[in-house]
Amino acid sequence: MKRKSIVKKKNFILILGILISAAFPLGVVATVLGAVNENTPIMVLGLVGLILSFFAIPFVWIAFGGLVTKSKIWYSIVKRGITDVNTLANIFNLQPQAVTNVIKNLISKNYLDYTLLYKKIESEIKQTNIKCFNCGAVLKENENEYFCEYCFSKFKKTQY
């Protein structure tokens, strides 16, 4: 399945917001000119544009603001490789739970591939050193167990 582009959607909402915002003063002008010149269709068209844009402007710009935050978090994950929720929360001055909710939303809306996060987290886990319970030395990995070269302890991988 092809990934959706959050950047394209953000740009679409931006253009829509600009057009709807421009429709408001144009609706005022059309209403006034239609009333002054006794041109009822122009006046009605101006009123319809005025009323629709008046009520639509807040919704469009609120949607755009939400997409800006989501696209910044998406960019940080996909392009910059930041996968830690706490790091993302600090960067964007958000609570970690809010960042988690944004990531879940990005995944559910098909903007972000969860396997991308899983692979990065999995590689980070593999890079961390697992230490011996007995002596604290770094364990060596065999096929189905970890082995300590210092105290000769063996641990099954299921124990970690």
N, C-alpha and C. Protein backbone atom coordinates (compact mmCIF):
# COMPACT_ATOMS: atom_id res chain seq x y z
N MET A 1 0.84 -1.18 0.00
CA MET A 1 0.00 0.00 0.00
C MET A 1 0.88 1.24 0.00
N LYS A 2 0.53 2.21 -0.82
CA LYS A 2 1.33 3.41 -0.95
C LYS A 2 1.09 4.35 0.24
N ARG A 3 2.16 4.94 0.74
CA ARG A 3 2.09 5.89 1.84
C ARG A 3 1.43 7.18 1.37
N LYS A 4 0.58 7.73 2.22
CA LYS A 4 0.03 9.05 1.94
C LYS A 4 1.09 10.09 2.29
N SER A 5 0.97 11.26 1.70
CA SER A 5 1.92 12.31 1.99
C SER A 5 1.28 13.37 2.86
N ILE A 6 1.78 13.50 4.08
CA ILE A 6 1.25 14.52 4.97
C ILE A 6 1.65 15.92 4.50
N VAL A 7 2.78 16.02 3.81
CA VAL A 7 3.22 17.32 3.31
C VAL A 7 2.27 17.82 2.23
N LYS A 8 1.82 16.93 1.35
CA LYS A 8 0.86 17.32 0.31
C LYS A 8 -0.45 17.77 0.93
N LYS A 9 -0.91 17.05 1.94
CA LYS A 9 -2.16 17.43 2.58
C LYS A 9 -2.00 18.78 3.29
N LYS A 10 -0.88 18.98 3.96
CA LYS A 10 -0.63 20.26 4.64
C LYS A 10 -0.62 21.40 3.63
N ASN A 11 0.03 21.21 2.49
CA ASN A 11 0.08 22.25 1.46
C ASN A 11 -1.31 22.51 0.87
N PHE A 12 -2.11 21.45 0.69
CA PHE A 12 -3.47 21.62 0.19
C PHE A 12 -4.30 22.45 1.16
N ILE A 13 -4.22 22.14 2.45
CA ILE A 13 -4.99 22.88 3.46
C ILE A 13 -4.50 24.33 3.53
N LEU A 14 -3.20 24.56 3.34
CA LEU A 14 -2.66 25.92 3.32
C LEU A 14 -3.28 26.72 2.17
N ILE A 15 -3.29 26.16 0.98
CA ILE A 15 -3.86 26.84 -0.19
C ILE A 15 -5.36 27.07 0.01
N LEU A 16 -6.05 26.06 0.54
CA LEU A 16 -7.47 26.20 0.83
C LEU A 16 -7.72 27.32 1.83
N GLY A 17 -6.89 27.39 2.88
CA GLY A 17 -7.02 28.44 3.88
C GLY A 17 -6.81 29.83 3.30
N ILE A 18 -5.83 29.96 2.41
CA ILE A 18 -5.57 31.26 1.78
C ILE A 18 -6.75 31.66 0.89
N LEU A 19 -7.27 30.70 0.12
CA LEU A 19 -8.41 31.01 -0.76
C LEU A 19 -9.66 31.38 0.03
N ILE A 20 -9.94 30.64 1.08
CA ILE A 20 -11.13 30.93 1.89
C ILE A 20 -10.94 32.26 2.63
N SER A 21 -9.74 32.53 3.10
CA SER A 21 -9.48 33.82 3.76
C SER A 21 -9.64 34.98 2.78
N ALA A 22 -9.24 34.78 1.54
CA ALA A 22 -9.40 35.82 0.51
C ALA A 22 -10.86 35.98 0.12
N ALA A 23 -11.66 34.93 0.26
CA ALA A 23 -13.08 35.00 -0.10
C ALA A 23 -13.85 35.91 0.84
N PHE A 24 -13.37 36.08 2.06
CA PHE A 24 -14.08 36.92 3.03
C PHE A 24 -14.13 38.39 2.59
N PRO A 25 -12.98 39.04 2.34
CA PRO A 25 -13.08 40.44 1.89
C PRO A 25 -13.73 40.57 0.51
N LEU A 26 -13.53 39.57 -0.35
CA LEU A 26 -14.20 39.61 -1.65
C LEU A 26 -15.72 39.52 -1.49
N GLY A 27 -16.17 38.74 -0.52
CA GLY A 27 -17.61 38.65 -0.23
C GLY A 27 -18.17 39.97 0.28
N VAL A 28 -17.37 40.68 1.09
CA VAL A 28 -17.80 42.00 1.57
C VAL A 28 -17.95 42.96 0.40
N VAL A 29 -16.93 42.99 -0.45
CA VAL A 29 -16.95 43.89 -1.60
C VAL A 29 -18.11 43.54 -2.54
N ALA A 30 -18.31 42.26 -2.83
CA ALA A 30 -19.40 41.84 -3.72
C ALA A 30 -20.76 42.18 -3.12
N THR A 31 -20.92 42.02 -1.81
CA THR A 31 -22.19 42.35 -1.15
C THR A 31 -22.48 43.84 -1.25
N VAL A 32 -21.48 44.66 -0.95
CA VAL A 32 -21.66 46.12 -1.00
C VAL A 32 -21.93 46.57 -2.43
N LEU A 33 -21.12 46.12 -3.39
CA LEU A 33 -21.33 46.53 -4.78
C LEU A 33 -22.68 46.04 -5.32
N GLY A 34 -23.07 44.82 -4.94
CA GLY A 34 -24.38 44.30 -5.37
C GLY A 34 -25.52 45.11 -4.80
N ALA A 35 -25.40 45.53 -3.53
CA ALA A 35 -26.46 46.32 -2.91
C ALA A 35 -26.51 47.73 -3.48
N VAL A 36 -25.35 48.36 -3.69
CA VAL A 36 -25.29 49.73 -4.21
C VAL A 36 -25.82 49.78 -5.65
N ASN A 37 -25.45 48.83 -6.47
CA ASN A 37 -25.85 48.81 -7.87
C ASN A 37 -27.17 48.07 -8.10
N GLU A 38 -27.81 47.66 -7.02
CA GLU A 38 -29.07 46.91 -7.08
C GLU A 38 -28.96 45.67 -7.97
N ASN A 39 -27.85 45.00 -7.85
CA ASN A 39 -27.59 43.75 -8.59
C ASN A 39 -27.74 42.60 -7.60
N THR A 40 -28.94 42.05 -7.52
CA THR A 40 -29.26 41.03 -6.52
C THR A 40 -28.39 39.77 -6.64
N PRO A 41 -28.14 39.22 -7.82
CA PRO A 41 -27.31 38.01 -7.88
C PRO A 41 -25.89 38.22 -7.32
N ILE A 42 -25.28 39.37 -7.62
CA ILE A 42 -23.93 39.66 -7.10
C ILE A 42 -23.99 39.82 -5.58
N MET A 43 -25.03 40.51 -5.09
CA MET A 43 -25.18 40.71 -3.66
C MET A 43 -25.37 39.36 -2.94
N VAL A 44 -26.21 38.48 -3.48
CA VAL A 44 -26.46 37.17 -2.88
C VAL A 44 -25.19 36.32 -2.92
N LEU A 45 -24.50 36.36 -4.05
CA LEU A 45 -23.24 35.63 -4.17
C LEU A 45 -22.22 36.13 -3.15
N GLY A 46 -22.15 37.43 -2.98
CA GLY A 46 -21.25 38.02 -1.99
C GLY A 46 -21.62 37.61 -0.58
N LEU A 47 -22.91 37.61 -0.27
CA LEU A 47 -23.36 37.20 1.07
C LEU A 47 -23.05 35.73 1.35
N VAL A 48 -23.30 34.89 0.33
CA VAL A 48 -23.01 33.46 0.49
C VAL A 48 -21.51 33.25 0.72
N GLY A 49 -20.68 33.91 -0.09
CA GLY A 49 -19.22 33.81 0.09
C GLY A 49 -18.78 34.34 1.44
N LEU A 50 -19.38 35.44 1.87
CA LEU A 50 -19.05 36.05 3.16
C LEU A 50 -19.39 35.11 4.32
N ILE A 51 -20.59 34.57 4.29
CA ILE A 51 -21.04 33.70 5.39
C ILE A 51 -20.24 32.39 5.40
N LEU A 52 -20.07 31.76 4.25
CA LEU A 52 -19.32 30.51 4.20
C LEU A 52 -17.87 30.70 4.65
N SER A 53 -17.24 31.75 4.15
CA SER A 53 -15.84 31.96 4.53
C SER A 53 -15.72 32.34 6.00
N PHE A 54 -16.69 33.10 6.52
CA PHE A 54 -16.65 33.50 7.93
C PHE A 54 -16.65 32.28 8.84
N PHE A 55 -17.47 31.29 8.52
CA PHE A 55 -17.55 30.10 9.37
C PHE A 55 -16.49 29.06 9.05
N ALA A 56 -15.96 29.06 7.84
CA ALA A 56 -14.98 28.04 7.44
C ALA A 56 -13.55 28.42 7.83
N ILE A 57 -13.24 29.70 7.88
CA ILE A 57 -11.86 30.14 8.14
C ILE A 57 -11.27 29.52 9.41
N PRO A 58 -11.96 29.58 10.56
CA PRO A 58 -11.35 29.00 11.78
C PRO A 58 -11.07 27.50 11.66
N PHE A 59 -12.00 26.77 11.06
CA PHE A 59 -11.82 25.32 10.93
C PHE A 59 -10.62 24.97 10.05
N VAL A 60 -10.48 25.69 8.96
CA VAL A 60 -9.39 25.41 8.02
C VAL A 60 -8.04 25.71 8.68
N TRP A 61 -7.93 26.85 9.36
CA TRP A 61 -6.64 27.21 9.96
C TRP A 61 -6.31 26.35 11.16
N ILE A 62 -7.32 25.90 11.90
CA ILE A 62 -7.07 24.97 13.00
C ILE A 62 -6.57 23.64 12.45
N ALA A 63 -7.19 23.16 11.37
CA ALA A 63 -6.73 21.92 10.73
C ALA A 63 -5.30 22.08 10.23
N PHE A 64 -4.99 23.23 9.67
CA PHE A 64 -3.64 23.48 9.16
C PHE A 64 -2.63 23.45 10.31
N GLY A 65 -2.96 24.09 11.42
CA GLY A 65 -2.05 24.10 12.58
C GLY A 65 -1.75 22.70 13.09
N GLY A 66 -2.78 21.86 13.15
CA GLY A 66 -2.56 20.47 13.57
C GLY A 66 -1.68 19.70 12.61
N LEU A 67 -1.86 19.97 11.33
CA LEU A 67 -1.03 19.28 10.33
C LEU A 67 0.41 19.76 10.36
N VAL A 68 0.64 21.01 10.73
CA VAL A 68 2.02 21.51 10.83
C VAL A 68 2.76 20.73 11.90
N THR A 69 2.15 20.58 13.07
CA THR A 69 2.79 19.82 14.16
C THR A 69 3.02 18.37 13.74
N LYS A 70 2.01 17.76 13.15
CA LYS A 70 2.15 16.36 12.71
C LYS A 70 3.24 16.22 11.66
N SER A 71 3.31 17.16 10.73
CA SER A 71 4.32 17.04 9.67
C SER A 71 5.72 17.26 10.22
N LYS A 72 5.86 18.10 11.24
CA LYS A 72 7.18 18.30 11.86
C LYS A 72 7.63 17.04 12.59
N ILE A 73 6.70 16.40 13.29
CA ILE A 73 7.04 15.15 13.98
C ILE A 73 7.34 14.07 12.95
N TRP A 74 6.55 13.99 11.88
CA TRP A 74 6.80 13.02 10.80
C TRP A 74 8.19 13.24 10.22
N TYR A 75 8.54 14.48 9.94
CA TYR A 75 9.85 14.80 9.36
C TYR A 75 10.98 14.39 10.31
N SER A 76 10.80 14.64 11.60
CA SER A 76 11.83 14.28 12.58
C SER A 76 12.03 12.77 12.63
N ILE A 77 10.95 12.01 12.50
CA ILE A 77 11.06 10.55 12.55
C ILE A 77 11.64 10.00 11.25
N VAL A 78 11.07 10.41 10.12
CA VAL A 78 11.43 9.81 8.83
C VAL A 78 12.75 10.34 8.30
N LYS A 79 12.93 11.64 8.33
CA LYS A 79 14.11 12.24 7.70
C LYS A 79 15.30 12.40 8.65
N ARG A 80 15.02 12.71 9.91
CA ARG A 80 16.12 12.91 10.86
C ARG A 80 16.42 11.68 11.70
N GLY A 81 15.53 10.69 11.67
CA GLY A 81 15.78 9.43 12.37
C GLY A 81 15.58 9.48 13.88
N ILE A 82 14.84 10.45 14.37
CA ILE A 82 14.58 10.54 15.81
C ILE A 82 13.36 9.69 16.13
N THR A 83 13.55 8.65 16.93
CA THR A 83 12.44 7.75 17.25
C THR A 83 12.08 7.76 18.73
N ASP A 84 12.83 8.42 19.55
CA ASP A 84 12.56 8.45 20.98
C ASP A 84 11.45 9.47 21.27
N VAL A 85 10.40 9.03 21.92
CA VAL A 85 9.25 9.88 22.20
C VAL A 85 9.64 11.04 23.11
N ASN A 86 10.45 10.79 24.11
CA ASN A 86 10.85 11.87 25.02
C ASN A 86 11.68 12.93 24.31
N THR A 87 12.55 12.51 23.41
CA THR A 87 13.34 13.47 22.63
C THR A 87 12.43 14.32 21.76
N LEU A 88 11.48 13.67 21.08
CA LEU A 88 10.52 14.41 20.25
C LEU A 88 9.68 15.36 21.10
N ALA A 89 9.28 14.91 22.28
CA ALA A 89 8.49 15.77 23.17
C ALA A 89 9.29 17.01 23.58
N ASN A 90 10.58 16.84 23.87
CA ASN A 90 11.42 17.98 24.23
C ASN A 90 11.61 18.93 23.06
N ILE A 91 11.80 18.39 21.87
CA ILE A 91 12.01 19.23 20.69
C ILE A 91 10.79 20.10 20.41
N PHE A 92 9.61 19.51 20.51
CA PHE A 92 8.39 20.23 20.15
C PHE A 92 7.63 20.80 21.34
N ASN A 93 8.23 20.72 22.52
CA ASN A 93 7.63 21.26 23.74
C ASN A 93 6.22 20.68 23.96
N LEU A 94 6.13 19.37 23.84
CA LEU A 94 4.88 18.66 24.04
C LEU A 94 5.06 17.61 25.13
N GLN A 95 3.96 17.14 25.66
CA GLN A 95 4.01 16.03 26.61
C GLN A 95 4.29 14.74 25.84
N PRO A 96 5.03 13.79 26.42
CA PRO A 96 5.31 12.53 25.72
C PRO A 96 4.03 11.81 25.26
N GLN A 97 2.96 11.88 26.05
CA GLN A 97 1.71 11.22 25.66
C GLN A 97 1.13 11.88 24.41
N ALA A 98 1.27 13.20 24.29
CA ALA A 98 0.77 13.90 23.10
C ALA A 98 1.56 13.47 21.86
N VAL A 99 2.87 13.30 22.00
CA VAL A 99 3.70 12.85 20.88
C VAL A 99 3.31 11.42 20.50
N THR A 100 3.08 10.58 21.49
CA THR A 100 2.65 9.21 21.23
C THR A 100 1.33 9.20 20.47
N ASN A 101 0.40 10.07 20.87
CA ASN A 101 -0.88 10.15 20.18
C ASN A 101 -0.71 10.61 18.74
N VAL A 102 0.18 11.56 18.50
CA VAL A 102 0.44 12.04 17.14
C VAL A 102 1.02 10.90 16.30
N ILE A 103 1.97 10.16 16.87
CA ILE A 103 2.58 9.04 16.14
C ILE A 103 1.52 7.98 15.81
N LYS A 104 0.66 7.67 16.77
CA LYS A 104 -0.41 6.70 16.52
C LYS A 104 -1.34 7.21 15.42
N ASN A 105 -1.63 8.51 15.44
CA ASN A 105 -2.48 9.10 14.41
C ASN A 105 -1.80 9.04 13.04
N LEU A 106 -0.51 9.32 12.99
CA LEU A 106 0.23 9.26 11.72
C LEU A 106 0.21 7.84 11.16
N ILE A 107 0.34 6.86 12.04
CA ILE A 107 0.31 5.46 11.60
C ILE A 107 -1.10 5.08 11.13
N SER A 108 -2.11 5.47 11.90
CA SER A 108 -3.49 5.09 11.54
C SER A 108 -3.96 5.77 10.26
N LYS A 109 -3.46 6.98 9.97
CA LYS A 109 -3.84 7.69 8.74
C LYS A 109 -2.96 7.31 7.57
N ASN A 110 -2.04 6.37 7.79
CA ASN A 110 -1.16 5.84 6.75
C ASN A 110 -0.12 6.86 6.26
N TYR A 111 0.28 7.78 7.14
CA TYR A 111 1.35 8.71 6.82
C TYR A 111 2.71 8.16 7.24
N LEU A 112 2.70 7.26 8.21
CA LEU A 112 3.93 6.74 8.79
C LEU A 112 3.84 5.23 8.86
N ASP A 113 4.92 4.57 8.47
CA ASP A 113 4.97 3.12 8.48
C ASP A 113 5.49 2.66 9.84
N TYR A 114 4.69 1.90 10.57
CA TYR A 114 5.11 1.47 11.89
C TYR A 114 6.35 0.59 11.83
N THR A 115 6.57 -0.11 10.72
CA THR A 115 7.76 -0.97 10.63
C THR A 115 9.03 -0.12 10.60
N LEU A 116 8.93 1.12 10.11
CA LEU A 116 10.08 2.02 10.14
C LEU A 116 10.50 2.28 11.58
N LEU A 117 9.53 2.55 12.43
CA LEU A 117 9.82 2.78 13.86
C LEU A 117 10.34 1.50 14.50
N TYR A 118 9.71 0.39 14.18
CA TYR A 118 10.10 -0.88 14.78
C TYR A 118 11.54 -1.23 14.41
N LYS A 119 11.90 -1.06 13.14
CA LYS A 119 13.26 -1.39 12.70
C LYS A 119 14.29 -0.50 13.38
N LYS A 120 13.99 0.79 13.53
CA LYS A 120 14.94 1.69 14.18
C LYS A 120 15.09 1.36 15.66
N ILE A 121 13.96 1.08 16.31
CA ILE A 121 14.02 0.74 17.73
C ILE A 121 14.74 -0.59 17.92
N GLU A 122 14.45 -1.55 17.03
CA GLU A 122 15.10 -2.86 17.10
C GLU A 122 16.62 -2.72 16.93
N SER A 123 17.05 -1.87 15.99
CA SER A 123 18.49 -1.69 15.79
C SER A 123 19.13 -0.99 16.99
N GLU A 124 18.40 -0.07 17.62
CA GLU A 124 18.92 0.58 18.83
C GLU A 124 19.06 -0.42 19.96
N ILE A 125 18.09 -1.33 20.08
CA ILE A 125 18.17 -2.35 21.13
C ILE A 125 19.36 -3.26 20.89
N LYS A 126 19.58 -3.64 19.63
CA LYS A 126 20.70 -4.53 19.32
C LYS A 126 22.04 -3.86 19.59
N GLN A 127 22.09 -2.54 19.50
CA GLN A 127 23.34 -1.84 19.74
C GLN A 127 23.64 -1.68 21.23
N THR A 128 22.63 -1.82 22.08
CA THR A 128 22.88 -1.69 23.51
C THR A 128 23.56 -2.96 24.01
N ASN A 129 24.41 -2.80 24.98
CA ASN A 129 25.13 -3.93 25.55
C ASN A 129 24.33 -4.53 26.68
N ILE A 130 24.16 -5.84 26.62
CA ILE A 130 23.46 -6.55 27.68
C ILE A 130 24.51 -7.02 28.68
N LYS A 131 24.26 -6.74 29.95
CA LYS A 131 25.26 -7.04 30.99
C LYS A 131 24.90 -8.28 31.78
N CYS A 132 25.93 -8.91 32.27
CA CYS A 132 25.81 -10.14 33.06
C CYS A 132 25.16 -9.83 34.41
N PHE A 133 24.23 -10.71 34.81
CA PHE A 133 23.60 -10.55 36.12
C PHE A 133 24.59 -10.76 37.26
N ASN A 134 25.56 -11.63 37.04
CA ASN A 134 26.48 -12.00 38.12
C ASN A 134 27.63 -11.02 38.32
N CYS A 135 28.30 -10.66 37.22
CA CYS A 135 29.50 -9.84 37.40
C CYS A 135 29.41 -8.45 36.74
N GLY A 136 28.41 -8.23 35.88
CA GLY A 136 28.23 -6.93 35.25
C GLY A 136 29.00 -6.73 33.96
N ALA A 137 29.70 -7.74 33.49
CA ALA A 137 30.44 -7.63 32.23
C ALA A 137 29.47 -7.69 31.05
N VAL A 138 29.93 -7.21 29.91
CA VAL A 138 29.11 -7.26 28.70
C VAL A 138 29.06 -8.70 28.20
N LEU A 139 27.84 -9.17 27.92
CA LEU A 139 27.65 -10.54 27.47
C LEU A 139 27.90 -10.67 25.97
N LYS A 140 28.38 -11.81 25.57
CA LYS A 140 28.55 -12.15 24.17
C LYS A 140 27.32 -12.95 23.75
N GLU A 141 26.92 -12.81 22.50
CA GLU A 141 25.70 -13.46 22.03
C GLU A 141 26.03 -14.67 21.16
N ASN A 142 25.40 -15.81 21.50
CA ASN A 142 25.44 -17.00 20.67
C ASN A 142 24.07 -17.16 20.02
N GLU A 143 23.82 -18.28 19.38
CA GLU A 143 22.56 -18.46 18.66
C GLU A 143 21.34 -18.39 19.56
N ASN A 144 21.36 -19.09 20.70
CA ASN A 144 20.17 -19.09 21.56
C ASN A 144 20.48 -18.73 23.01
N GLU A 145 21.67 -18.17 23.24
CA GLU A 145 22.02 -17.80 24.61
C GLU A 145 23.06 -16.68 24.62
N TYR A 146 23.18 -16.07 25.79
CA TYR A 146 24.23 -15.08 26.03
C TYR A 146 25.28 -15.74 26.92
N PHE A 147 26.54 -15.37 26.73
CA PHE A 147 27.65 -16.01 27.43
C PHE A 147 28.57 -14.93 28.00
N CYS A 148 28.93 -15.09 29.28
CA CYS A 148 29.84 -14.16 29.92
C CYS A 148 31.26 -14.73 29.87
N GLU A 149 32.18 -13.96 29.29
CA GLU A 149 33.57 -14.42 29.16
C GLU A 149 34.34 -14.34 30.47
N TYR A 150 33.80 -13.62 31.44
CA TYR A 150 34.54 -13.41 32.69
C TYR A 150 34.15 -14.39 33.78
N CYS A 151 32.85 -14.58 34.01
CA CYS A 151 32.43 -15.51 35.06
C CYS A 151 31.85 -16.80 34.48
N PHE A 152 31.84 -16.92 33.15
CA PHE A 152 31.39 -18.10 32.42
C PHE A 152 29.92 -18.44 32.64
N SER A 153 29.11 -17.44 32.99
CA SER A 153 27.66 -17.66 33.15
C SER A 153 27.01 -17.73 31.77
N LYS A 154 25.93 -18.51 31.70
CA LYS A 154 25.17 -18.62 30.47
C LYS A 154 23.72 -18.23 30.78
N PHE A 155 23.13 -17.48 29.85
CA PHE A 155 21.74 -17.05 30.01
C PHE A 155 21.00 -17.31 28.71
N LYS A 156 19.76 -17.85 28.86
CA LYS A 156 18.93 -18.05 27.67
C LYS A 156 18.46 -16.68 27.19
N LYS A 157 18.25 -16.55 25.90
CA LYS A 157 17.81 -15.26 25.36
C LYS A 157 16.43 -14.88 25.87
N THR A 158 15.64 -15.86 26.24
CA THR A 158 14.30 -15.55 26.77
C THR A 158 14.35 -14.84 28.12
N GLN A 159 15.50 -14.93 28.83
CA GLN A 159 15.64 -14.27 30.11
C GLN A 159 15.80 -12.76 29.95
N TYR A 160 16.15 -12.31 28.76
CA TYR A 160 16.34 -10.88 28.52
C TYR A 160 15.21 -10.39 27.73
